Amino acid sequence: MTPEIEALRQKLDLIEDKLILLLNERAKYVLEIGKIKHEKGLPIEDLKRQEIILNRVVQKNSDPISDEFIKNIFKKIIEESIRLEKQI
Protein backbone atom coordinates (compact mmCIF):
# COMPACT_ATOMS: atom_id res chain seq x y z
CA MET A 1 0.00 0.00 0.00
CA THR A 2 1.00 3.57 -0.54
CA PRO A 3 1.58 5.86 2.44
CA GLU A 4 -1.37 7.98 1.32
CA ILE A 5 -3.73 5.01 1.35
CA GLU A 6 -2.40 3.85 4.71
CA ALA A 7 -2.93 7.32 6.19
CA LEU A 8 -6.49 7.44 4.87
CA ARG A 9 -7.20 3.97 6.23
CA GLN A 10 -6.00 5.07 9.65
CA LYS A 11 -8.50 7.93 9.47
CA LEU A 12 -11.20 5.42 8.55
CA ASP A 13 -10.23 3.30 11.57
CA LEU A 14 -10.71 6.32 13.84
CA ILE A 15 -14.12 7.06 12.35
CA GLU A 16 -15.16 3.42 12.76
CA ASP A 17 -14.05 3.52 16.40
CA LYS A 18 -16.19 6.63 16.94
CA LEU A 19 -19.18 4.98 15.23
CA ILE A 20 -18.90 1.99 17.57
CA LEU A 21 -18.77 4.27 20.62
CA LEU A 22 -21.77 6.27 19.40
CA LEU A 23 -23.82 3.16 18.62
CA ASN A 24 -23.13 1.81 22.10
CA GLU A 25 -24.01 5.16 23.64
CA ARG A 26 -27.28 5.11 21.70
CA ALA A 27 -27.94 1.57 22.92
CA LYS A 28 -27.60 2.72 26.54
CA TYR A 29 -30.38 5.26 25.97
CA VAL A 30 -32.44 2.57 24.25
CA LEU A 31 -32.10 0.41 27.35
CA GLU A 32 -33.23 3.30 29.57
CA ILE A 33 -36.25 3.83 27.34
CA GLY A 34 -36.92 0.09 27.40
CA LYS A 35 -36.96 0.09 31.21
CA ILE A 36 -39.48 2.93 31.25
CA LYS A 37 -41.65 1.16 28.67
CA HIS A 38 -41.50 -2.03 30.73
CA GLU A 39 -42.43 -0.20 33.95
CA LYS A 40 -45.33 1.61 32.25
CA GLY A 41 -46.53 -1.42 30.30
CA LEU A 42 -45.91 0.30 26.97
CA PRO A 43 -45.26 -1.62 23.76
CA ILE A 44 -41.63 -2.02 22.72
CA GLU A 45 -42.20 -1.31 19.04
CA ASP A 46 -43.37 2.15 18.03
CA LEU A 47 -43.93 2.15 14.28
CA LYS A 48 -44.64 5.88 14.20
CA ARG A 49 -41.31 6.60 15.92
CA GLN A 50 -39.53 4.27 13.51
CA GLU A 51 -41.02 6.16 10.57
CA ILE A 52 -39.95 9.48 12.10
CA ILE A 53 -36.39 8.22 12.55
CA LEU A 54 -36.15 6.90 9.00
CA ASN A 55 -37.55 10.09 7.51
CA ARG A 56 -35.24 12.24 9.62
CA VAL A 57 -32.06 10.35 8.74
CA VAL A 58 -32.89 10.47 5.04
CA GLN A 59 -33.44 14.23 5.29
CA LYS A 60 -30.07 14.61 7.06
CA ASN A 61 -28.25 12.51 4.48
CA SER A 62 -26.05 14.02 1.81
CA ASP A 63 -23.99 12.64 -1.05
CA PRO A 64 -22.25 10.36 -1.73
CA ILE A 65 -24.18 7.83 0.37
CA SER A 66 -27.59 6.92 -1.00
CA ASP A 67 -30.77 7.50 1.00
CA GLU A 68 -31.62 3.82 0.67
CA PHE A 69 -28.32 2.79 2.22
CA ILE A 70 -28.81 5.19 5.15
CA LYS A 71 -32.35 3.92 5.61
CA ASN A 72 -31.14 0.32 5.64
CA ILE A 73 -28.46 1.07 8.23
CA PHE A 74 -31.01 2.68 10.51
CA LYS A 75 -33.47 -0.15 10.01
CA LYS A 76 -30.76 -2.45 11.38
CA ILE A 77 -30.08 -0.06 14.26
CA ILE A 78 -33.80 -0.02 15.08
CA GLU A 79 -33.93 -3.81 14.82
CA GLU A 80 -31.09 -4.08 17.36
CA SER A 81 -32.78 -1.51 19.61
CA ILE A 82 -35.94 -3.61 19.66
CA ARG A 83 -33.90 -6.71 20.45
CA LEU A 84 -32.24 -4.92 23.37
CA GLU A 85 -35.55 -3.62 24.72
CA LYS A 86 -37.08 -7.10 24.57
CA GLN A 87 -34.33 -8.39 26.84
CA ILE A 88 -35.49 -6.18 29.70
PDB file of N, CA and C in Angstrom:
ATOM      1  N   MET A   1       0.828  -1.195   0.000  1.00  0.00           N
ATOM      2  CA  MET A   1       0.000   0.000   0.000  1.00  0.00           C
ATOM      3  C   MET A   1       0.868   1.254   0.000  1.00  0.00           C
ATOM      4  N   THR A   2       0.280   2.290  -0.531  1.00  0.00           N
ATOM      5  CA  THR A   2       0.997   3.569  -0.537  1.00  0.00           C
ATOM      6  C   THR A   2       0.823   4.246   0.815  1.00  0.00           C
ATOM      7  N   PRO A   3       1.726   5.132   1.180  1.00  0.00           N
ATOM      8  CA  PRO A   3       1.581   5.856   2.440  1.00  0.00           C
ATOM      9  C   PRO A   3       0.289   6.678   2.505  1.00  0.00           C
ATOM     10  N   GLU A   4      -0.135   7.188   1.354  1.00  0.00           N
ATOM     11  CA  GLU A   4      -1.374   7.975   1.315  1.00  0.00           C
ATOM     12  C   GLU A   4      -2.584   7.103   1.653  1.00  0.00           C
ATOM     13  N   ILE A   5      -2.613   5.927   1.072  1.00  0.00           N
ATOM     14  CA  ILE A   5      -3.726   5.006   1.346  1.00  0.00           C
ATOM     15  C   ILE A   5      -3.694   4.578   2.805  1.00  0.00           C
ATOM     16  N   GLU A   6      -2.532   4.268   3.313  1.00  0.00           N
ATOM     17  CA  GLU A   6      -2.405   3.854   4.706  1.00  0.00           C
ATOM     18  C   GLU A   6      -2.863   4.957   5.658  1.00  0.00           C
ATOM     19  N   ALA A   7      -2.513   6.188   5.360  1.00  0.00           N
ATOM     20  CA  ALA A   7      -2.931   7.323   6.194  1.00  0.00           C
ATOM     21  C   ALA A   7      -4.449   7.488   6.164  1.00  0.00           C
ATOM     22  N   LEU A   8      -5.037   7.337   4.992  1.00  0.00           N
ATOM     23  CA  LEU A   8      -6.490   7.440   4.872  1.00  0.00           C
ATOM     24  C   LEU A   8      -7.187   6.292   5.595  1.00  0.00           C
ATOM     25  N   ARG A   9      -6.623   5.115   5.529  1.00  0.00           N
ATOM     26  CA  ARG A   9      -7.202   3.966   6.234  1.00  0.00           C
ATOM     27  C   ARG A   9      -7.135   4.151   7.745  1.00  0.00           C
ATOM     28  N   GLN A  10      -6.087   4.773   8.218  1.00  0.00           N
ATOM     29  CA  GLN A  10      -5.997   5.069   9.650  1.00  0.00           C
ATOM     30  C   GLN A  10      -7.100   6.046  10.068  1.00  0.00           C
ATOM     31  N   LYS A  11      -7.396   7.004   9.203  1.00  0.00           N
ATOM     32  CA  LYS A  11      -8.498   7.928   9.475  1.00  0.00           C
ATOM     33  C   LYS A  11      -9.834   7.178   9.486  1.00  0.00           C
ATOM     34  N   LEU A  12      -9.994   6.237   8.567  1.00  0.00           N
ATOM     35  CA  LEU A  12     -11.203   5.420   8.552  1.00  0.00           C
ATOM     36  C   LEU A  12     -11.334   4.617   9.838  1.00  0.00           C
ATOM     37  N   ASP A  13     -10.215   4.057  10.307  1.00  0.00           N
ATOM     38  CA  ASP A  13     -10.234   3.300  11.565  1.00  0.00           C
ATOM     39  C   ASP A  13     -10.733   4.167  12.724  1.00  0.00           C
ATOM     40  N   LEU A  14     -10.279   5.409  12.779  1.00  0.00           N
ATOM     41  CA  LEU A  14     -10.713   6.319  13.844  1.00  0.00           C
ATOM     42  C   LEU A  14     -12.207   6.617  13.753  1.00  0.00           C
ATOM     43  N   ILE A  15     -12.691   6.819  12.553  1.00  0.00           N
ATOM     44  CA  ILE A  15     -14.123   7.065  12.352  1.00  0.00           C
ATOM     45  C   ILE A  15     -14.929   5.834  12.762  1.00  0.00           C
ATOM     46  N   GLU A  16     -14.469   4.654  12.379  1.00  0.00           N
ATOM     47  CA  GLU A  16     -15.164   3.419  12.757  1.00  0.00           C
ATOM     48  C   GLU A  16     -15.196   3.248  14.272  1.00  0.00           C
ATOM     49  N   ASP A  17     -14.092   3.582  14.935  1.00  0.00           N
ATOM     50  CA  ASP A  17     -14.053   3.517  16.397  1.00  0.00           C
ATOM     51  C   ASP A  17     -15.094   4.456  17.008  1.00  0.00           C
ATOM     52  N   LYS A  18     -15.203   5.656  16.450  1.00  0.00           N
ATOM     53  CA  LYS A  18     -16.194   6.630  16.945  1.00  0.00           C
ATOM     54  C   LYS A  18     -17.619   6.118  16.704  1.00  0.00           C
ATOM     55  N   LEU A  19     -17.851   5.522  15.538  1.00  0.00           N
ATOM     56  CA  LEU A  19     -19.180   4.978  15.233  1.00  0.00           C
ATOM     57  C   LEU A  19     -19.570   3.908  16.249  1.00  0.00           C
ATOM     58  N   ILE A  20     -18.624   3.037  16.589  1.00  0.00           N
ATOM     59  CA  ILE A  20     -18.905   1.988  17.572  1.00  0.00           C
ATOM     60  C   ILE A  20     -19.253   2.600  18.918  1.00  0.00           C
ATOM     61  N   LEU A  21     -18.487   3.592  19.345  1.00  0.00           N
ATOM     62  CA  LEU A  21     -18.774   4.266  20.620  1.00  0.00           C
ATOM     63  C   LEU A  21     -20.150   4.924  20.597  1.00  0.00           C
ATOM     64  N   LEU A  22     -20.472   5.597  19.512  1.00  0.00           N
ATOM     65  CA  LEU A  22     -21.767   6.273  19.404  1.00  0.00           C
ATOM     66  C   LEU A  22     -22.921   5.279  19.372  1.00  0.00           C
ATOM     67  N   LEU A  23     -22.754   4.172  18.667  1.00  0.00           N
ATOM     68  CA  LEU A  23     -23.815   3.164  18.625  1.00  0.00           C
ATOM     69  C   LEU A  23     -24.049   2.560  20.008  1.00  0.00           C
ATOM     70  N   ASN A  24     -22.976   2.337  20.749  1.00  0.00           N
ATOM     71  CA  ASN A  24     -23.134   1.809  22.103  1.00  0.00           C
ATOM     72  C   ASN A  24     -23.730   2.843  23.048  1.00  0.00           C
ATOM     73  N   GLU A  25     -23.387   4.099  22.850  1.00  0.00           N
ATOM     74  CA  GLU A  25     -24.006   5.163  23.644  1.00  0.00           C
ATOM     75  C   GLU A  25     -25.504   5.230  23.354  1.00  0.00           C
ATOM     76  N   ARG A  26     -25.864   5.127  22.086  1.00  0.00           N
ATOM     77  CA  ARG A  26     -27.279   5.112  21.698  1.00  0.00           C
ATOM     78  C   ARG A  26     -27.987   3.936  22.344  1.00  0.00           C
ATOM     79  N   ALA A  27     -27.335   2.773  22.348  1.00  0.00           N
ATOM     80  CA  ALA A  27     -27.939   1.571  22.920  1.00  0.00           C
ATOM     81  C   ALA A  27     -28.217   1.745  24.414  1.00  0.00           C
ATOM     82  N   LYS A  28     -27.371   2.478  25.109  1.00  0.00           N
ATOM     83  CA  LYS A  28     -27.601   2.720  26.537  1.00  0.00           C
ATOM     84  C   LYS A  28     -28.884   3.522  26.748  1.00  0.00           C
ATOM     85  N   TYR A  29     -29.132   4.500  25.884  1.00  0.00           N
ATOM     86  CA  TYR A  29     -30.383   5.260  25.969  1.00  0.00           C
ATOM     87  C   TYR A  29     -31.578   4.382  25.609  1.00  0.00           C
ATOM     88  N   VAL A  30     -31.389   3.516  24.633  1.00  0.00           N
ATOM     89  CA  VAL A  30     -32.445   2.573  24.251  1.00  0.00           C
ATOM     90  C   VAL A  30     -32.825   1.710  25.451  1.00  0.00           C
ATOM     91  N   LEU A  31     -31.829   1.237  26.178  1.00  0.00           N
ATOM     92  CA  LEU A  31     -32.101   0.411  27.351  1.00  0.00           C
ATOM     93  C   LEU A  31     -32.851   1.199  28.427  1.00  0.00           C
ATOM     94  N   GLU A  32     -32.500   2.459  28.601  1.00  0.00           N
ATOM     95  CA  GLU A  32     -33.226   3.299  29.565  1.00  0.00           C
ATOM     96  C   GLU A  32     -34.685   3.464  29.143  1.00  0.00           C
ATOM     97  N   ILE A  33     -34.892   3.710  27.861  1.00  0.00           N
ATOM     98  CA  ILE A  33     -36.254   3.832  27.336  1.00  0.00           C
ATOM     99  C   ILE A  33     -37.001   2.515  27.517  1.00  0.00           C
ATOM    100  N   GLY A  34     -36.304   1.406  27.243  1.00  0.00           N
ATOM    101  CA  GLY A  34     -36.921   0.086  27.404  1.00  0.00           C
ATOM    102  C   GLY A  34     -37.371  -0.165  28.832  1.00  0.00           C
ATOM    103  N   LYS A  35     -36.582   0.250  29.800  1.00  0.00           N
ATOM    104  CA  LYS A  35     -36.958   0.091  31.206  1.00  0.00           C
ATOM    105  C   LYS A  35     -38.229   0.879  31.518  1.00  0.00           C
ATOM    106  N   ILE A  36     -38.292   2.096  31.024  1.00  0.00           N
ATOM    107  CA  ILE A  36     -39.481   2.928  31.250  1.00  0.00           C
ATOM    108  C   ILE A  36     -40.696   2.286  30.592  1.00  0.00           C
ATOM    109  N   LYS A  37     -40.540   1.826  29.355  1.00  0.00           N
ATOM    110  CA  LYS A  37     -41.651   1.163  28.670  1.00  0.00           C
ATOM    111  C   LYS A  37     -42.116  -0.058  29.452  1.00  0.00           C
ATOM    112  N   HIS A  38     -41.165  -0.826  29.958  1.00  0.00           N
ATOM    113  CA  HIS A  38     -41.500  -2.028  30.730  1.00  0.00           C
ATOM    114  C   HIS A  38     -42.264  -1.655  31.998  1.00  0.00           C
ATOM    115  N   GLU A  39     -41.781  -0.638  32.708  1.00  0.00           N
ATOM    116  CA  GLU A  39     -42.432  -0.198  33.947  1.00  0.00           C
ATOM    117  C   GLU A  39     -43.848   0.322  33.696  1.00  0.00           C
ATOM    118  N   LYS A  40     -44.038   0.994  32.565  1.00  0.00           N
ATOM    119  CA  LYS A  40     -45.331   1.609  32.251  1.00  0.00           C
ATOM    120  C   LYS A  40     -46.237   0.693  31.436  1.00  0.00           C
ATOM    121  N   GLY A  41     -45.741  -0.488  31.090  1.00  0.00           N
ATOM    122  CA  GLY A  41     -46.533  -1.417  30.300  1.00  0.00           C
ATOM    123  C   GLY A  41     -46.749  -0.960  28.865  1.00  0.00           C
ATOM    124  N   LEU A  42     -45.806  -0.204  28.343  1.00  0.00           N
ATOM    125  CA  LEU A  42     -45.911   0.304  26.975  1.00  0.00           C
ATOM    126  C   LEU A  42     -45.318  -0.698  25.991  1.00  0.00           C
ATOM    127  N   PRO A  43     -45.807  -0.695  24.755  1.00  0.00           N
ATOM    128  CA  PRO A  43     -45.255  -1.621  23.758  1.00  0.00           C
ATOM    129  C   PRO A  43     -43.811  -1.249  23.401  1.00  0.00           C
ATOM    130  N   ILE A  44     -43.033  -2.254  23.083  1.00  0.00           N
ATOM    131  CA  ILE A  44     -41.635  -2.017  22.719  1.00  0.00           C
ATOM    132  C   ILE A  44     -41.539  -1.348  21.350  1.00  0.00           C
ATOM    133  N   GLU A  45     -42.273  -1.863  20.397  1.00  0.00           N
ATOM    134  CA  GLU A  45     -42.198  -1.306  19.044  1.00  0.00           C
ATOM    135  C   GLU A  45     -43.142  -0.126  18.889  1.00  0.00           C
ATOM    136  N   ASP A  46     -42.596   0.937  18.297  1.00  0.00           N
ATOM    137  CA  ASP A  46     -43.368   2.146  18.029  1.00  0.00           C
ATOM    138  C   ASP A  46     -43.166   2.476  16.549  1.00  0.00           C
ATOM    139  N   LEU A  47     -44.087   1.997  15.726  1.00  0.00           N
ATOM    140  CA  LEU A  47     -43.934   2.148  14.278  1.00  0.00           C
ATOM    141  C   LEU A  47     -43.898   3.612  13.845  1.00  0.00           C
ATOM    142  N   LYS A  48     -44.659   4.454  14.533  1.00  0.00           N
ATOM    143  CA  LYS A  48     -44.644   5.879  14.200  1.00  0.00           C
ATOM    144  C   LYS A  48     -43.263   6.473  14.459  1.00  0.00           C
ATOM    145  N   ARG A  49     -42.658   6.117  15.597  1.00  0.00           N
ATOM    146  CA  ARG A  49     -41.313   6.600  15.921  1.00  0.00           C
ATOM    147  C   ARG A  49     -40.305   6.078  14.905  1.00  0.00           C
ATOM    148  N   GLN A  50     -40.439   4.836  14.506  1.00  0.00           N
ATOM    149  CA  GLN A  50     -39.528   4.273  13.509  1.00  0.00           C
ATOM    150  C   GLN A  50     -39.612   5.050  12.196  1.00  0.00           C
ATOM    151  N   GLU A  51     -40.823   5.376  11.801  1.00  0.00           N
ATOM    152  CA  GLU A  51     -41.020   6.157  10.571  1.00  0.00           C
ATOM    153  C   GLU A  51     -40.388   7.535  10.695  1.00  0.00           C
ATOM    154  N   ILE A  52     -40.545   8.162  11.857  1.00  0.00           N
ATOM    155  CA  ILE A  52     -39.952   9.478  12.096  1.00  0.00           C
ATOM    156  C   ILE A  52     -38.427   9.402  11.988  1.00  0.00           C
ATOM    157  N   ILE A  53     -37.849   8.381  12.605  1.00  0.00           N
ATOM    158  CA  ILE A  53     -36.389   8.218  12.553  1.00  0.00           C
ATOM    159  C   ILE A  53     -35.923   8.052  11.116  1.00  0.00           C
ATOM    160  N   LEU A  54     -36.574   7.165  10.372  1.00  0.00           N
ATOM    161  CA  LEU A  54     -36.146   6.898   8.995  1.00  0.00           C
ATOM    162  C   LEU A  54     -36.293   8.131   8.111  1.00  0.00           C
ATOM    163  N   ASN A  55     -37.379   8.865   8.286  1.00  0.00           N
ATOM    164  CA  ASN A  55     -37.554  10.091   7.507  1.00  0.00           C
ATOM    165  C   ASN A  55     -36.498  11.131   7.868  1.00  0.00           C
ATOM    166  N   ARG A  56     -36.207  11.239   9.164  1.00  0.00           N
ATOM    167  CA  ARG A  56     -35.238  12.238   9.623  1.00  0.00           C
ATOM    168  C   ARG A  56     -33.834  11.933   9.110  1.00  0.00           C
ATOM    169  N   VAL A  57     -33.413  10.668   9.183  1.00  0.00           N
ATOM    170  CA  VAL A  57     -32.056  10.351   8.736  1.00  0.00           C
ATOM    171  C   VAL A  57     -31.895  10.517   7.229  1.00  0.00           C
ATOM    172  N   VAL A  58     -32.952  10.244   6.488  1.00  0.00           N
ATOM    173  CA  VAL A  58     -32.893  10.466   5.040  1.00  0.00           C
ATOM    174  C   VAL A  58     -32.784  11.968   4.746  1.00  0.00           C
ATOM    175  N   GLN A  59     -33.527  12.779   5.486  1.00  0.00           N
ATOM    176  CA  GLN A  59     -33.441  14.229   5.294  1.00  0.00           C
ATOM    177  C   GLN A  59     -32.051  14.765   5.635  1.00  0.00           C
ATOM    178  N   LYS A  60     -31.404  14.167   6.633  1.00  0.00           N
ATOM    179  CA  LYS A  60     -30.071  14.613   7.061  1.00  0.00           C
ATOM    180  C   LYS A  60     -28.968  14.120   6.127  1.00  0.00           C
ATOM    181  N   ASN A  61     -29.255  13.117   5.335  1.00  0.00           N
ATOM    182  CA  ASN A  61     -28.251  12.510   4.481  1.00  0.00           C
ATOM    183  C   ASN A  61     -27.822  13.446   3.351  1.00  0.00           C
ATOM    184  N   SER A  62     -26.561  13.299   2.981  1.00  0.00           N
ATOM    185  CA  SER A  62     -26.051  14.020   1.810  1.00  0.00           C
ATOM    186  C   SER A  62     -25.181  13.066   1.000  1.00  0.00           C
ATOM    187  N   ASP A  63     -24.827  13.469  -0.171  1.00  0.00           N
ATOM    188  CA  ASP A  63     -23.989  12.644  -1.048  1.00  0.00           C
ATOM    189  C   ASP A  63     -22.653  12.391  -0.375  1.00  0.00           C
ATOM    190  N   PRO A  64     -21.993  11.309  -0.655  1.00  0.00           N
ATOM    191  CA  PRO A  64     -22.248  10.365  -1.730  1.00  0.00           C
ATOM    192  C   PRO A  64     -23.080   9.145  -1.325  1.00  0.00           C
ATOM    193  N   ILE A  65     -23.436   9.015  -0.060  1.00  0.00           N
ATOM    194  CA  ILE A  65     -24.175   7.833   0.374  1.00  0.00           C
ATOM    195  C   ILE A  65     -25.644   7.966  -0.036  1.00  0.00           C
ATOM    196  N   SER A  66     -26.201   6.887  -0.545  1.00  0.00           N
ATOM    197  CA  SER A  66     -27.592   6.920  -1.003  1.00  0.00           C
ATOM    198  C   SER A  66     -28.555   6.927   0.185  1.00  0.00           C
ATOM    199  N   ASP A  67     -29.722   7.493  -0.024  1.00  0.00           N
ATOM    200  CA  ASP A  67     -30.766   7.503   1.001  1.00  0.00           C
ATOM    201  C   ASP A  67     -31.169   6.078   1.386  1.00  0.00           C
ATOM    202  N   GLU A  68     -31.238   5.204   0.407  1.00  0.00           N
ATOM    203  CA  GLU A  68     -31.623   3.823   0.667  1.00  0.00           C
ATOM    204  C   GLU A  68     -30.622   3.127   1.587  1.00  0.00           C
ATOM    205  N   PHE A  69     -29.351   3.381   1.374  1.00  0.00           N
ATOM    206  CA  PHE A  69     -28.317   2.794   2.222  1.00  0.00           C
ATOM    207  C   PHE A  69     -28.447   3.294   3.665  1.00  0.00           C
ATOM    208  N   ILE A  70     -28.634   4.602   3.819  1.00  0.00           N
ATOM    209  CA  ILE A  70     -28.808   5.189   5.155  1.00  0.00           C
ATOM    210  C   ILE A  70     -30.035   4.593   5.828  1.00  0.00           C
ATOM    211  N   LYS A  71     -31.108   4.486   5.069  1.00  0.00           N
ATOM    212  CA  LYS A  71     -32.346   3.920   5.610  1.00  0.00           C
ATOM    213  C   LYS A  71     -32.124   2.477   6.069  1.00  0.00           C
ATOM    214  N   ASN A  72     -31.412   1.707   5.277  1.00  0.00           N
ATOM    215  CA  ASN A  72     -31.142   0.316   5.641  1.00  0.00           C
ATOM    216  C   ASN A  72     -30.274   0.209   6.893  1.00  0.00           C
ATOM    217  N   ILE A  73     -29.301   1.069   7.022  1.00  0.00           N
ATOM    218  CA  ILE A  73     -28.465   1.070   8.229  1.00  0.00           C
ATOM    219  C   ILE A  73     -29.328   1.330   9.453  1.00  0.00           C
ATOM    220  N   PHE A  74     -30.190   2.330   9.359  1.00  0.00           N
ATOM    221  CA  PHE A  74     -31.010   2.678  10.509  1.00  0.00           C
ATOM    222  C   PHE A  74     -32.107   1.654  10.779  1.00  0.00           C
ATOM    223  N   LYS A  75     -32.546   0.960   9.770  1.00  0.00           N
ATOM    224  CA  LYS A  75     -33.472  -0.153  10.009  1.00  0.00           C
ATOM    225  C   LYS A  75     -32.786  -1.212  10.860  1.00  0.00           C
ATOM    226  N   LYS A  76     -31.509  -1.483  10.588  1.00  0.00           N
ATOM    227  CA  LYS A  76     -30.755  -2.449  11.383  1.00  0.00           C
ATOM    228  C   LYS A  76     -30.522  -1.930  12.798  1.00  0.00           C
ATOM    229  N   ILE A  77     -30.264  -0.653  12.931  1.00  0.00           N
ATOM    230  CA  ILE A  77     -30.084  -0.060  14.259  1.00  0.00           C
ATOM    231  C   ILE A  77     -31.376  -0.172  15.056  1.00  0.00           C
ATOM    232  N   ILE A  78     -32.495   0.111  14.416  1.00  0.00           N
ATOM    233  CA  ILE A  78     -33.800  -0.017  15.076  1.00  0.00           C
ATOM    234  C   ILE A  78     -34.060  -1.472  15.450  1.00  0.00           C
ATOM    235  N   GLU A  79     -33.748  -2.386  14.550  1.00  0.00           N
ATOM    236  CA  GLU A  79     -33.925  -3.815  14.819  1.00  0.00           C
ATOM    237  C   GLU A  79     -33.135  -4.228  16.072  1.00  0.00           C
ATOM    238  N   GLU A  80     -31.913  -3.765  16.185  1.00  0.00           N
ATOM    239  CA  GLU A  80     -31.094  -4.080  17.356  1.00  0.00           C
ATOM    240  C   GLU A  80     -31.656  -3.411  18.613  1.00  0.00           C
ATOM    241  N   SER A  81     -32.168  -2.213  18.475  1.00  0.00           N
ATOM    242  CA  SER A  81     -32.775  -1.511  19.613  1.00  0.00           C
ATOM    243  C   SER A  81     -33.969  -2.297  20.153  1.00  0.00           C
ATOM    244  N   ILE A  82     -34.782  -2.810  19.259  1.00  0.00           N
ATOM    245  CA  ILE A  82     -35.941  -3.610  19.663  1.00  0.00           C
ATOM    246  C   ILE A  82     -35.476  -4.879  20.362  1.00  0.00           C
ATOM    247  N   ARG A  83     -34.441  -5.502  19.824  1.00  0.00           N
ATOM    248  CA  ARG A  83     -33.898  -6.712  20.454  1.00  0.00           C
ATOM    249  C   ARG A  83     -33.421  -6.417  21.870  1.00  0.00           C
ATOM    250  N   LEU A  84     -32.732  -5.305  22.048  1.00  0.00           N
ATOM    251  CA  LEU A  84     -32.244  -4.923  23.372  1.00  0.00           C
ATOM    252  C   LEU A  84     -33.397  -4.670  24.342  1.00  0.00           C
ATOM    253  N   GLU A  85     -34.405  -3.941  23.861  1.00  0.00           N
ATOM    254  CA  GLU A  85     -35.551  -3.620  24.721  1.00  0.00           C
ATOM    255  C   GLU A  85     -36.310  -4.894  25.123  1.00  0.00           C
ATOM    256  N   LYS A  86     -36.373  -5.858  24.259  1.00  0.00           N
ATOM    257  CA  LYS A  86     -37.081  -7.103  24.566  1.00  0.00           C
ATOM    258  C   LYS A  86     -36.370  -7.920  25.633  1.00  0.00           C
ATOM    259  N   GLN A  87     -35.087  -7.666  25.838  1.00  0.00           N
ATOM    260  CA  GLN A  87     -34.331  -8.394  26.844  1.00  0.00           C
ATOM    261  C   GLN A  87     -34.609  -7.900  28.264  1.00  0.00           C
ATOM    262  N   ILE A  88     -35.242  -6.766  28.372  1.00  0.00           N
ATOM    263  CA  ILE A  88     -35.492  -6.175  29.699  1.00  0.00           C
ATOM    264  C   ILE A  88     -36.600  -6.904  30.402  1.00  0.00           C
TER     265      ILE A  88
END
